[in-house]
Protein backbone atom coordinates (compact mmCIF):
# COMPACT_ATOMS: atom_id res chain seq x y z
CA MET A 1 20.82 42.73 196.13
CA LYS A 2 18.33 41.41 198.67
CA LEU A 3 16.00 43.36 200.84
CA THR A 4 17.39 43.88 204.32
CA ALA A 5 14.09 44.80 205.90
CA PRO A 6 10.55 43.59 205.32
CA LEU A 7 9.05 44.73 202.02
CA LEU A 8 5.67 45.59 203.45
CA SER A 9 7.09 47.81 206.15
CA PHE A 10 7.93 51.49 205.88
CA SER A 11 11.61 50.79 206.47
CA ALA A 12 12.37 48.44 203.55
CA THR A 13 15.87 48.81 202.06
CA GLY A 14 17.53 47.15 199.08
CA THR A 15 16.69 46.38 195.45
CA ILE A 16 14.07 44.12 193.94
CA ALA A 17 14.70 42.51 190.52
CA ASP A 18 16.91 45.38 189.36
CA ALA A 19 13.73 47.43 189.04
CA VAL A 20 13.16 49.31 192.31
CA THR A 21 15.58 50.36 195.07
CA TYR A 22 14.31 51.15 198.55
CA SER A 23 16.45 53.27 200.85
CA ARG A 24 16.31 55.72 203.70
CA ALA A 25 17.90 59.19 203.47
CA GLY A 26 17.46 62.26 205.64
CA GLY A 27 14.88 60.51 207.78
CA HIS A 28 12.69 59.70 204.77
CA ASP A 29 11.94 56.40 203.10
CA ILE A 30 12.66 56.52 199.37
CA ALA A 31 11.73 54.20 196.51
CA LYS A 32 13.62 54.78 193.26
CA LYS A 33 13.25 53.17 189.87
CA CYS A 34 16.54 51.59 188.74
CA PRO A 35 17.82 53.15 185.51
CA LYS A 36 17.69 51.03 182.40
CA HIS A 37 20.79 51.29 180.27
CA HIS A 38 20.27 51.54 176.56
CA THR A 39 21.48 48.93 174.19
CA ALA A 40 24.78 49.34 172.40
CA PRO A 41 25.39 52.82 170.96
CA SER A 42 24.27 53.44 167.40
CA ALA A 43 26.75 53.75 164.54
CA ALA A 44 26.37 57.55 164.64
CA GLN A 45 27.10 57.60 168.39
CA GLN A 46 30.16 55.41 167.91
CA ALA A 47 31.43 57.69 165.11
CA GLN A 48 30.96 60.78 167.30
CA ARG A 49 32.77 59.14 170.21
CA LYS A 50 35.64 58.18 167.89
CA LYS A 51 35.95 61.84 166.78
CA PHE A 52 36.24 62.97 170.40
CA THR A 53 38.71 60.20 171.23
CA ASP A 54 40.91 61.02 168.23
CA ALA A 55 40.77 64.74 169.03
CA ALA A 56 41.58 64.18 172.71
CA HIS A 57 44.59 61.95 171.95
CA PHE A 58 45.91 64.43 169.38
CA PHE A 59 45.44 67.34 171.79
CA ILE A 60 47.45 65.57 174.50
CA MET A 61 50.30 64.95 172.03
CA LEU A 62 50.01 68.49 170.67
CA THR A 63 50.16 70.29 174.01
CA ILE A 64 53.31 68.65 175.33
CA GLN A 65 54.95 71.90 174.23
CA SER A 66 53.92 74.89 176.33
CA ALA A 67 53.87 77.12 173.22
CA SER A 68 51.03 75.00 171.78
CA ARG A 69 49.09 75.11 175.06
CA ASP A 70 49.42 78.90 175.19
CA ALA A 71 48.47 79.23 171.52
CA TRP A 72 45.25 77.24 171.98
CA ARG A 73 44.46 79.22 175.16
CA ARG A 74 44.59 82.37 173.03
CA VAL A 75 42.05 80.86 170.61
CA GLY A 76 39.76 80.02 173.52
CA THR A 77 40.13 83.44 175.12
CA TYR A 78 40.12 85.78 172.14
CA LYS A 79 38.10 83.91 169.52
CA MET A 80 35.68 81.61 171.33
CA GLY A 81 34.62 83.74 174.27
CA ALA A 82 35.62 82.29 177.59
CA ALA A 83 36.40 78.78 176.32
CA SER A 84 39.48 76.99 177.59
CA GLY A 85 42.28 76.11 175.20
CA HIS A 86 41.30 72.46 175.50
CA ASN A 87 37.68 73.18 174.56
CA ALA A 88 38.74 75.41 171.66
CA ALA A 89 41.06 72.74 170.24
CA ILE A 90 38.60 69.87 170.69
CA ALA A 91 35.80 71.90 169.06
CA SER A 92 38.04 72.72 166.08
CA MET A 93 39.29 69.15 165.74
CA THR A 94 35.91 67.42 166.02
CA GLY A 95 34.44 69.90 163.54
CA ALA A 96 37.28 69.24 161.10
CA LEU A 97 36.87 65.47 161.58
CA THR A 98 33.23 65.88 160.52
CA GLU A 99 34.38 67.45 157.23
CA VAL A 100 37.54 65.43 156.48
CA ALA A 101 38.50 61.88 157.47
CA ASP A 102 42.03 62.80 158.59
CA PRO A 103 42.42 66.60 158.88
CA SER A 104 45.80 68.30 159.26
CA PHE A 105 46.60 70.54 162.24
CA ALA A 106 49.69 72.55 163.07
CA THR A 107 51.90 70.99 165.71
CA GLU A 108 54.87 73.34 165.62
CA ILE A 109 55.70 76.81 164.36
CA ASN A 110 59.11 77.95 163.13
CA MET A 111 60.08 81.55 162.58
CA LEU A 112 62.16 81.85 159.44
CA ASP A 113 63.50 85.16 158.20
CA PRO A 114 61.05 87.75 159.55
CA PRO A 115 58.24 87.83 158.84
CA GLU A 116 58.16 84.40 157.15
CA VAL A 117 56.55 81.65 159.22
CA GLU A 118 56.46 77.88 158.73
CA TRP A 119 54.16 75.37 160.44
CA THR A 120 54.71 71.63 160.75
CA MET A 121 51.41 69.87 160.08
CA LEU A 122 50.25 66.43 161.25
CA ASN A 123 47.10 64.49 160.49
CA VAL A 124 44.84 64.02 163.52
CA THR A 125 43.90 60.34 163.27
CA SER A 126 47.04 58.85 161.67
CA ASN A 127 49.72 61.25 163.06
CA ASP A 128 51.30 61.15 159.59
CA PRO A 129 52.81 64.34 158.13
CA GLY A 130 50.03 66.69 157.08
CA ASP A 131 48.72 65.97 153.58
CA GLU A 132 45.20 67.39 153.55
CA ALA A 133 44.25 68.80 150.16
CA GLY A 134 43.15 72.38 149.70
CA ASP A 135 44.34 75.78 150.79
CA PHE A 136 44.88 76.85 154.39
CA GLU A 137 44.28 80.47 155.38
CA LEU A 138 47.10 82.30 157.14
CA TRP A 139 46.06 85.13 159.45
CA CYS A 140 48.27 87.49 161.41
CA GLY A 141 47.98 90.65 163.44
CA PRO A 142 49.41 92.85 166.18
CA SER A 143 47.31 91.13 168.88
CA PRO A 144 45.39 87.85 169.24
CA GLY A 145 42.09 89.73 169.05
CA ASN A 146 43.05 91.71 165.94
CA LEU A 147 44.02 89.28 163.18
CA HIS A 148 43.62 89.83 159.44
CA PHE A 149 43.79 87.50 156.45
CA VAL A 150 47.20 87.29 154.75
CA GLU A 151 47.05 84.52 152.15
CA LYS A 152 45.97 80.97 151.24
CA VAL A 153 48.69 78.30 151.08
CA ALA A 154 48.64 74.53 150.50
CA ILE A 155 50.59 71.93 152.48
CA VAL A 156 53.87 70.95 150.84
CA GLY A 157 55.86 68.13 152.42
CA GLY A 158 53.91 68.30 155.68
CA LYS A 159 54.60 72.05 156.04
CA VAL A 160 52.65 75.27 155.50
CA THR A 161 54.89 78.26 154.81
CA SER A 162 53.93 81.90 154.46
CA THR A 163 55.03 83.46 151.19
CA LYS A 164 53.79 87.00 151.66
CA TYR A 165 55.54 89.39 153.96
CA ALA A 166 53.84 91.80 156.30
CA ASP A 167 55.30 94.56 158.45
CA GLU A 168 57.05 93.03 161.44
CA GLU A 169 54.97 94.92 164.00
CA ASP A 170 51.83 93.80 162.18
CA ASN A 171 52.59 90.08 162.40
CA GLN A 172 53.24 89.40 166.07
CA TYR A 173 50.51 86.73 166.24
CA TRP A 174 49.81 84.04 163.61
CA VAL A 175 47.11 81.40 163.14
CA ILE A 176 46.04 78.90 160.46
CA ARG A 177 42.39 78.39 159.52
CA LYS A 178 40.54 76.29 156.98
CA THR A 179 36.80 76.27 156.25
CA GLY A 180 36.24 78.63 159.16
CA ARG A 181 37.93 76.33 161.70
CA TYR A 182 41.17 76.95 163.54
CA ARG A 183 43.90 74.53 162.46
CA SER A 184 46.43 75.94 164.91
CA GLY A 185 46.46 77.95 168.07
CA ILE A 186 47.31 81.65 167.90
CA TYR A 187 51.10 81.66 168.12
CA LYS A 188 53.20 84.63 169.18
CA ALA A 189 55.86 84.94 166.50
CA TRP A 190 58.38 87.57 167.61
C-alpha cells in the first residue's frame, strides 16, 4: 500500500514497507507496527492442530443424533462445571488423542434387557469400529451428577456391553470412562 498523504505531515495514512501503518481514528493520528507472522508451525503445533481437527470432525459426526448432543451436554453441565457439550467432548477427545493414536468413543447406546446396556464404539481418527485395547469403566447412577462405578469391560467387536446388573432405578444414567476421561456422554437409559 502507498501513502496517501505526505509522510512528514501529521496526517499521513497508509503503510510503508509492510512495517508501519499510519492511520487516523477518532480524531487522532496513529502509527502502528505491522505484525510479523511466524514461520511455519512447529511439528508439535501441527500435531496439536491435528488433534483438534480430528476431534472436531468426529464430534460433528457424533452429534448428528440429538441423544448424543444431550449426553455430552450433561457431561459439560454436571461433570465439567459450566462447559458446553462441545467443549466437554473436544477436551475428552483431544486428551485421549494425546494418550492413544486412535482412541475409541461411544457413538450410540442401545438398551438391552434392563438394566443391560450396549455401546457402539468408533475410533476417532479412522472412524473404524472401536478396537482400542484395555478396559473401559462403566458408570451409572440415578442422576447425571450422582454416578458410581459399575465395572470394567473391554471392547468386543466394536461394542462395549455391561455384564453386571444394577437396580433399575439406580441406573437411569450411564457413561463410559477410560483413564479418567469421558469416552461417551452421559446417556439417559430408561
